[in-house]
Amino acid sequence: MRNDKNQSLLTFEASVGYIHNPRAAARIYKYNPNMKLILILRDPVDRAFSQWNMGRNLTKVVLDSELAEYREFREVITYELDLIKSGLKAVKPPLSYIPRGLYLEQIENYLKLFPRHQIFITENKKLKLHRVEVLNEIIDFLELPAFQWNEGKLVERYKADYKDRTMDDDIRKILAEFYHPYNKDLFQFLGETYEWQ
C-alpha cells in the first residue's frame, strides 16, 4: 500500500481466529496470495484456559455476547473431550477450546495454499523471553532493513486479569495427555520442540 505522499507502507492485521477458521486461509489467499503470515503458538493447554478465562470475564461486561462463557472449565473440557472421543473434532464455534490447540492441522490448511516460506512460526514464550531476537527474525522474514529496538520500551500492553482462577491439576494432566501426540507431530514438522506440558 502507498499513502498520498507515495511512501511505502506495511499493513499488519492480527486475530487469534484466523488460524482456526477453516475459511480464513482461502479468503486471505484470494485477497493476496503473496501475503506473509506470522503464527505465534501457545501451549494448547494454557491457550484453552486463557480462552475460557476471557469468556468468563466477558460475562461481567458484555450482555448476550456469543463469546461469554458461563460453564466451568472442567465442564467445558469434559464436554469437548467426550465429543472428540465420539469422533467429532469440530465443536461449534466460537466456543471451541480443545480443537483450537490442534495447531498442525490448522497450519496444514494454510499450506494447501501458501508456500512454507511465506509462513513464520514461533512460540509466545520465546517471544516474551527473547523479544528482540524474535522481532529480528520477523524483520528478516519480512525482508525489512535491520531495526534498532529499544528493549526498555518493548512492554506488554495487555495483561489478562484472571483473578484467582486456576486450572485443576487433574484437568491440566488430562489436557496435556490429550495434546501430547499432536504436539509431537507439530514439533517434528517444525524441527524444534517447545517446552509445553
C-alpha atoms as a PDB file:
ATOM      1  CA  MET A   1       0.000   0.000   0.000  1.00  0.00           C
ATOM      2  CA  ARG A   2       1.068   3.577  -0.548  1.00  0.00           C
ATOM      3  CA  ASN A   3      -0.175   6.763   1.034  1.00  0.00           C
ATOM      4  CA  ASP A   4      -0.718  10.174  -0.585  1.00  0.00           C
ATOM      5  CA  LYS A   5       2.960  11.093  -0.152  1.00  0.00           C
ATOM      6  CA  ASN A   6       3.939   7.996  -2.156  1.00  0.00           C
ATOM      7  CA  GLN A   7       5.712   6.437   0.802  1.00  0.00           C
ATOM      8  CA  SER A   8       5.785   2.689   1.109  1.00  0.00           C
ATOM      9  CA  LEU A   9       3.661   1.348   3.920  1.00  0.00           C
ATOM     10  CA  LEU A  10       3.353  -2.053   5.502  1.00  0.00           C
ATOM     11  CA  THR A  11      -0.018  -3.054   6.868  1.00  0.00           C
ATOM     12  CA  PHE A  12      -0.396  -5.629   9.632  1.00  0.00           C
ATOM     13  CA  GLU A  13      -3.566  -7.236  10.895  1.00  0.00           C
ATOM     14  CA  ALA A  14      -3.918  -9.766  13.672  1.00  0.00           C
ATOM     15  CA  SER A  15      -6.562 -12.099  15.024  1.00  0.00           C
ATOM     16  CA  VAL A  16      -6.465 -15.281  17.062  1.00  0.00           C
ATOM     17  CA  GLY A  17      -9.323 -16.603  14.942  1.00  0.00           C
ATOM     18  CA  TYR A  18      -7.595 -16.718  11.563  1.00  0.00           C
ATOM     19  CA  ILE A  19      -5.669 -19.930  12.125  1.00  0.00           C
ATOM     20  CA  HIS A  20      -8.722 -21.812  13.400  1.00  0.00           C
ATOM     21  CA  ASN A  21     -11.320 -20.521  10.943  1.00  0.00           C
ATOM     22  CA  PRO A  22     -11.454 -23.063   8.087  1.00  0.00           C
ATOM     23  CA  ARG A  23     -12.381 -20.367   5.547  1.00  0.00           C
ATOM     24  CA  ALA A  24      -9.803 -17.760   6.552  1.00  0.00           C
ATOM     25  CA  ALA A  25      -6.857 -19.204   4.600  1.00  0.00           C
ATOM     26  CA  ALA A  26      -8.745 -19.161   1.295  1.00  0.00           C
ATOM     27  CA  ARG A  27     -10.015 -15.633   1.901  1.00  0.00           C
ATOM     28  CA  ILE A  28      -6.538 -14.362   2.746  1.00  0.00           C
ATOM     29  CA  TYR A  29      -5.096 -16.107  -0.306  1.00  0.00           C
ATOM     30  CA  LYS A  30      -7.792 -14.612  -2.550  1.00  0.00           C
ATOM     31  CA  TYR A  31      -7.012 -11.155  -1.156  1.00  0.00           C
ATOM     32  CA  ASN A  32      -3.247 -11.527  -1.627  1.00  0.00           C
ATOM     33  CA  PRO A  33      -1.544 -14.848  -2.493  1.00  0.00           C
ATOM     34  CA  ASN A  34       1.839 -13.255  -1.675  1.00  0.00           C
ATOM     35  CA  MET A  35       0.772 -12.431   1.882  1.00  0.00           C
ATOM     36  CA  LYS A  36       3.331 -13.264   4.563  1.00  0.00           C
ATOM     37  CA  LEU A  37       1.821 -14.900   7.622  1.00  0.00           C
ATOM     38  CA  ILE A  38       3.114 -14.879  11.190  1.00  0.00           C
ATOM     39  CA  LEU A  39       1.867 -17.539  13.606  1.00  0.00           C
ATOM     40  CA  ILE A  40       2.586 -17.251  17.318  1.00  0.00           C
ATOM     41  CA  LEU A  41       1.675 -20.516  19.019  1.00  0.00           C
ATOM     42  CA  ARG A  42       0.955 -21.047  22.686  1.00  0.00           C
ATOM     43  CA  ASP A  43       0.945 -24.183  24.817  1.00  0.00           C
ATOM     44  CA  PRO A  44      -2.508 -25.520  23.854  1.00  0.00           C
ATOM     45  CA  VAL A  45      -3.386 -26.329  27.474  1.00  0.00           C
ATOM     46  CA  ASP A  46      -2.717 -22.752  28.575  1.00  0.00           C
ATOM     47  CA  ARG A  47      -4.361 -21.426  25.418  1.00  0.00           C
ATOM     48  CA  ALA A  48      -7.624 -23.242  26.182  1.00  0.00           C
ATOM     49  CA  PHE A  49      -7.643 -21.994  29.774  1.00  0.00           C
ATOM     50  CA  SER A  50      -6.893 -18.446  28.657  1.00  0.00           C
ATOM     51  CA  GLN A  51      -9.775 -18.533  26.176  1.00  0.00           C
ATOM     52  CA  TRP A  52     -12.099 -19.799  28.886  1.00  0.00           C
ATOM     53  CA  ASN A  53     -10.973 -17.036  31.246  1.00  0.00           C
ATOM     54  CA  MET A  54     -11.607 -14.427  28.572  1.00  0.00           C
ATOM     55  CA  GLY A  55     -15.125 -15.788  28.155  1.00  0.00           C
ATOM     56  CA  ARG A  56     -15.691 -15.723  31.909  1.00  0.00           C
ATOM     57  CA  ASN A  57     -14.574 -12.092  32.064  1.00  0.00           C
ATOM     58  CA  LEU A  58     -16.991 -11.224  29.262  1.00  0.00           C
ATOM     59  CA  THR A  59     -19.941 -12.480  31.319  1.00  0.00           C
ATOM     60  CA  LYS A  60     -19.443  -9.435  33.529  1.00  0.00           C
ATOM     61  CA  VAL A  61     -19.026  -6.750  30.880  1.00  0.00           C
ATOM     62  CA  VAL A  62     -20.916  -7.780  27.723  1.00  0.00           C
ATOM     63  CA  LEU A  63     -24.536  -8.807  27.826  1.00  0.00           C
ATOM     64  CA  ASP A  64     -25.532 -11.632  25.466  1.00  0.00           C
ATOM     65  CA  SER A  65     -22.065 -11.957  23.915  1.00  0.00           C
ATOM     66  CA  GLU A  66     -21.640 -15.208  21.985  1.00  0.00           C
ATOM     67  CA  LEU A  67     -18.101 -15.322  23.400  1.00  0.00           C
ATOM     68  CA  ALA A  68     -19.227 -15.161  27.029  1.00  0.00           C
ATOM     69  CA  GLU A  69     -18.706 -18.419  28.917  1.00  0.00           C
ATOM     70  CA  TYR A  70     -20.958 -19.407  31.808  1.00  0.00           C
ATOM     71  CA  ARG A  71     -19.794 -23.001  32.243  1.00  0.00           C
ATOM     72  CA  GLU A  72     -16.952 -24.132  34.483  1.00  0.00           C
ATOM     73  CA  PHE A  73     -13.686 -25.065  32.761  1.00  0.00           C
ATOM     74  CA  ARG A  74     -13.966 -28.711  33.852  1.00  0.00           C
ATOM     75  CA  GLU A  75     -17.447 -28.911  32.317  1.00  0.00           C
ATOM     76  CA  VAL A  76     -16.255 -27.376  29.045  1.00  0.00           C
ATOM     77  CA  ILE A  77     -13.261 -29.714  28.732  1.00  0.00           C
ATOM     78  CA  THR A  78     -15.215 -32.850  29.685  1.00  0.00           C
ATOM     79  CA  TYR A  79     -17.906 -31.992  27.145  1.00  0.00           C
ATOM     80  CA  GLU A  80     -15.431 -31.387  24.303  1.00  0.00           C
ATOM     81  CA  LEU A  81     -13.323 -34.469  25.083  1.00  0.00           C
ATOM     82  CA  ASP A  82     -16.483 -36.594  25.015  1.00  0.00           C
ATOM     83  CA  LEU A  83     -17.391 -35.164  21.600  1.00  0.00           C
ATOM     84  CA  ILE A  84     -13.887 -35.783  20.263  1.00  0.00           C
ATOM     85  CA  LYS A  85     -13.851 -39.366  21.616  1.00  0.00           C
ATOM     86  CA  SER A  86     -17.120 -39.963  19.770  1.00  0.00           C
ATOM     87  CA  GLY A  87     -15.416 -38.976  16.511  1.00  0.00           C
ATOM     88  CA  LEU A  88     -16.219 -35.278  16.277  1.00  0.00           C
ATOM     89  CA  LYS A  89     -13.248 -32.907  16.112  1.00  0.00           C
ATOM     90  CA  ALA A  90     -15.341 -29.904  15.207  1.00  0.00           C
ATOM     91  CA  VAL A  91     -17.024 -28.157  18.095  1.00  0.00           C
ATOM     92  CA  LYS A  92     -19.395 -25.371  17.192  1.00  0.00           C
ATOM     93  CA  PRO A  93     -17.503 -22.059  17.219  1.00  0.00           C
ATOM     94  CA  PRO A  94     -16.886 -19.637  18.756  1.00  0.00           C
ATOM     95  CA  LEU A  95     -16.765 -21.676  21.963  1.00  0.00           C
ATOM     96  CA  SER A  96     -14.427 -24.450  20.933  1.00  0.00           C
ATOM     97  CA  TYR A  97     -11.495 -24.794  23.270  1.00  0.00           C
ATOM     98  CA  ILE A  98      -9.680 -28.054  22.572  1.00  0.00           C
ATOM     99  CA  PRO A  99      -9.714 -28.137  18.723  1.00  0.00           C
ATOM    100  CA  ARG A 100      -8.065 -24.719  18.535  1.00  0.00           C
ATOM    101  CA  GLY A 101      -4.943 -26.225  20.074  1.00  0.00           C
ATOM    102  CA  LEU A 102      -4.531 -28.775  17.265  1.00  0.00           C
ATOM    103  CA  TYR A 103      -2.108 -26.467  15.501  1.00  0.00           C
ATOM    104  CA  LEU A 104      -0.589 -28.731  12.868  1.00  0.00           C
ATOM    105  CA  GLU A 105      -3.972 -29.477  11.299  1.00  0.00           C
ATOM    106  CA  GLN A 106      -4.616 -25.750  11.055  1.00  0.00           C
ATOM    107  CA  ILE A 107      -1.149 -24.983   9.659  1.00  0.00           C
ATOM    108  CA  GLU A 108      -1.615 -27.697   7.035  1.00  0.00           C
ATOM    109  CA  ASN A 109      -4.827 -25.960   5.959  1.00  0.00           C
ATOM    110  CA  TYR A 110      -2.738 -22.862   5.149  1.00  0.00           C
ATOM    111  CA  LEU A 111      -0.028 -24.912   3.449  1.00  0.00           C
ATOM    112  CA  LYS A 112      -2.587 -26.092   0.901  1.00  0.00           C
ATOM    113  CA  LEU A 113      -2.500 -22.520  -0.428  1.00  0.00           C
ATOM    114  CA  PHE A 114       0.617 -20.759   0.828  1.00  0.00           C
ATOM    115  CA  PRO A 115       4.203 -21.986   0.370  1.00  0.00           C
ATOM    116  CA  ARG A 116       6.050 -22.712   3.617  1.00  0.00           C
ATOM    117  CA  HIS A 117       8.478 -19.809   3.090  1.00  0.00           C
ATOM    118  CA  GLN A 118       5.564 -17.349   3.440  1.00  0.00           C
ATOM    119  CA  ILE A 119       4.726 -18.572   6.948  1.00  0.00           C
ATOM    120  CA  PHE A 120       6.774 -17.612  10.019  1.00  0.00           C
ATOM    121  CA  ILE A 121       6.050 -19.706  13.112  1.00  0.00           C
ATOM    122  CA  THR A 122       7.244 -19.028  16.636  1.00  0.00           C
ATOM    123  CA  GLU A 123       6.074 -19.567  20.181  1.00  0.00           C
ATOM    124  CA  ASN A 124       4.709 -16.990  22.607  1.00  0.00           C
ATOM    125  CA  LYS A 125       7.123 -17.882  25.461  1.00  0.00           C
ATOM    126  CA  LYS A 126      10.056 -17.424  23.114  1.00  0.00           C
ATOM    127  CA  LEU A 127       8.677 -14.047  22.067  1.00  0.00           C
ATOM    128  CA  LYS A 128       8.293 -12.979  25.707  1.00  0.00           C
ATOM    129  CA  LEU A 129      11.689 -14.234  26.858  1.00  0.00           C
ATOM    130  CA  HIS A 130      13.724 -13.325  23.763  1.00  0.00           C
ATOM    131  CA  ARG A 131      11.703 -10.468  22.347  1.00  0.00           C
ATOM    132  CA  VAL A 132      14.434  -8.651  20.400  1.00  0.00           C
ATOM    133  CA  GLU A 133      15.764 -11.895  18.911  1.00  0.00           C
ATOM    134  CA  VAL A 134      12.303 -12.948  17.701  1.00  0.00           C
ATOM    135  CA  LEU A 135      11.472  -9.466  16.415  1.00  0.00           C
ATOM    136  CA  ASN A 136      14.703  -9.508  14.408  1.00  0.00           C
ATOM    137  CA  GLU A 137      13.739 -12.907  12.993  1.00  0.00           C
ATOM    138  CA  ILE A 138      10.410 -11.393  11.931  1.00  0.00           C
ATOM    139  CA  ILE A 139      12.195  -8.401  10.363  1.00  0.00           C
ATOM    140  CA  ASP A 140      14.349 -10.850   8.364  1.00  0.00           C
ATOM    141  CA  PHE A 141      11.278 -12.876   7.394  1.00  0.00           C
ATOM    142  CA  LEU A 142       9.566  -9.721   6.117  1.00  0.00           C
ATOM    143  CA  GLU A 143      12.764  -8.728   4.285  1.00  0.00           C
ATOM    144  CA  LEU A 144      12.879  -5.363   6.008  1.00  0.00           C
ATOM    145  CA  PRO A 145      16.007  -3.400   6.859  1.00  0.00           C
ATOM    146  CA  ALA A 146      17.546  -4.065  10.270  1.00  0.00           C
ATOM    147  CA  PHE A 147      15.936  -2.137  13.110  1.00  0.00           C
ATOM    148  CA  GLN A 148      17.449  -0.990  16.404  1.00  0.00           C
ATOM    149  CA  TRP A 149      14.948  -1.993  19.073  1.00  0.00           C
ATOM    150  CA  ASN A 150      14.736  -0.120  22.353  1.00  0.00           C
ATOM    151  CA  GLU A 151      14.271  -3.107  24.638  1.00  0.00           C
ATOM    152  CA  GLY A 152      13.189  -0.894  27.526  1.00  0.00           C
ATOM    153  CA  LYS A 153      10.157   0.233  25.541  1.00  0.00           C
ATOM    154  CA  LEU A 154       9.111  -3.256  24.453  1.00  0.00           C
ATOM    155  CA  VAL A 155       6.484  -3.865  27.102  1.00  0.00           C
ATOM    156  CA  GLU A 156       3.314  -5.874  27.132  1.00  0.00           C
ATOM    157  CA  ARG A 157       0.347  -3.592  26.623  1.00  0.00           C
ATOM    158  CA  TYR A 158      -2.242  -6.093  27.781  1.00  0.00           C
ATOM    159  CA  LYS A 159      -2.181  -8.481  30.679  1.00  0.00           C
ATOM    160  CA  ALA A 160      -5.180 -10.669  31.257  1.00  0.00           C
ATOM    161  CA  ASP A 161      -6.837 -10.453  34.658  1.00  0.00           C
ATOM    162  CA  TYR A 162      -7.823 -13.946  35.727  1.00  0.00           C
ATOM    163  CA  LYS A 163      -8.299 -13.054  39.368  1.00  0.00           C
ATOM    164  CA  ASP A 164      -7.847 -16.197  41.438  1.00  0.00           C
ATOM    165  CA  ARG A 165      -8.822 -18.672  38.725  1.00  0.00           C
ATOM    166  CA  THR A 166      -6.502 -21.621  38.397  1.00  0.00           C
ATOM    167  CA  MET A 167      -6.697 -24.839  36.438  1.00  0.00           C
ATOM    168  CA  ASP A 168      -7.121 -28.003  38.489  1.00  0.00           C
ATOM    169  CA  ASP A 169      -4.060 -30.248  38.234  1.00  0.00           C
ATOM    170  CA  ASP A 170      -6.076 -33.264  37.066  1.00  0.00           C
ATOM    171  CA  ILE A 171      -7.624 -31.261  34.198  1.00  0.00           C
ATOM    172  CA  ARG A 172      -4.181 -29.931  33.206  1.00  0.00           C
ATOM    173  CA  LYS A 173      -2.883 -33.516  33.141  1.00  0.00           C
ATOM    174  CA  ILE A 174      -5.839 -34.748  31.073  1.00  0.00           C
ATOM    175  CA  LEU A 175      -5.338 -31.970  28.524  1.00  0.00           C
ATOM    176  CA  ALA A 176      -1.561 -32.444  28.414  1.00  0.00           C
ATOM    177  CA  GLU A 177      -2.035 -36.160  27.723  1.00  0.00           C
ATOM    178  CA  PHE A 178      -4.598 -35.423  25.020  1.00  0.00           C
ATOM    179  CA  TYR A 179      -2.360 -32.912  23.245  1.00  0.00           C
ATOM    180  CA  HIS A 180       0.876 -34.898  23.612  1.00  0.00           C
ATOM    181  CA  PRO A 181       0.712 -36.831  20.296  1.00  0.00           C
ATOM    182  CA  TYR A 182      -0.496 -33.753  18.416  1.00  0.00           C
ATOM    183  CA  ASN A 183       2.322 -31.633  19.857  1.00  0.00           C
ATOM    184  CA  LYS A 184       4.831 -34.341  18.992  1.00  0.00           C
ATOM    185  CA  ASP A 185       3.730 -34.219  15.340  1.00  0.00           C
ATOM    186  CA  LEU A 186       3.854 -30.417  15.391  1.00  0.00           C
ATOM    187  CA  PHE A 187       7.390 -30.364  16.789  1.00  0.00           C
ATOM    188  CA  GLN A 188       8.519 -32.868  14.168  1.00  0.00           C
ATOM    189  CA  PHE A 189       7.063 -30.621  11.456  1.00  0.00           C
ATOM    190  CA  LEU A 190       8.706 -27.512  12.920  1.00  0.00           C
ATOM    191  CA  GLY A 191      12.042 -29.172  13.589  1.00  0.00           C
ATOM    192  CA  GLU A 192      12.073 -27.798  17.128  1.00  0.00           C
ATOM    193  CA  THR A 193      10.442 -28.575  20.451  1.00  0.00           C
ATOM    194  CA  TYR A 194       8.674 -26.110  22.685  1.00  0.00           C
ATOM    195  CA  GLU A 195       8.626 -26.522  26.452  1.00  0.00           C
ATOM    196  CA  TRP A 196       4.951 -27.356  26.677  1.00  0.00           C
ATOM    197  CA  GLN A 197       3.241 -29.712  29.143  1.00  0.00           C
END
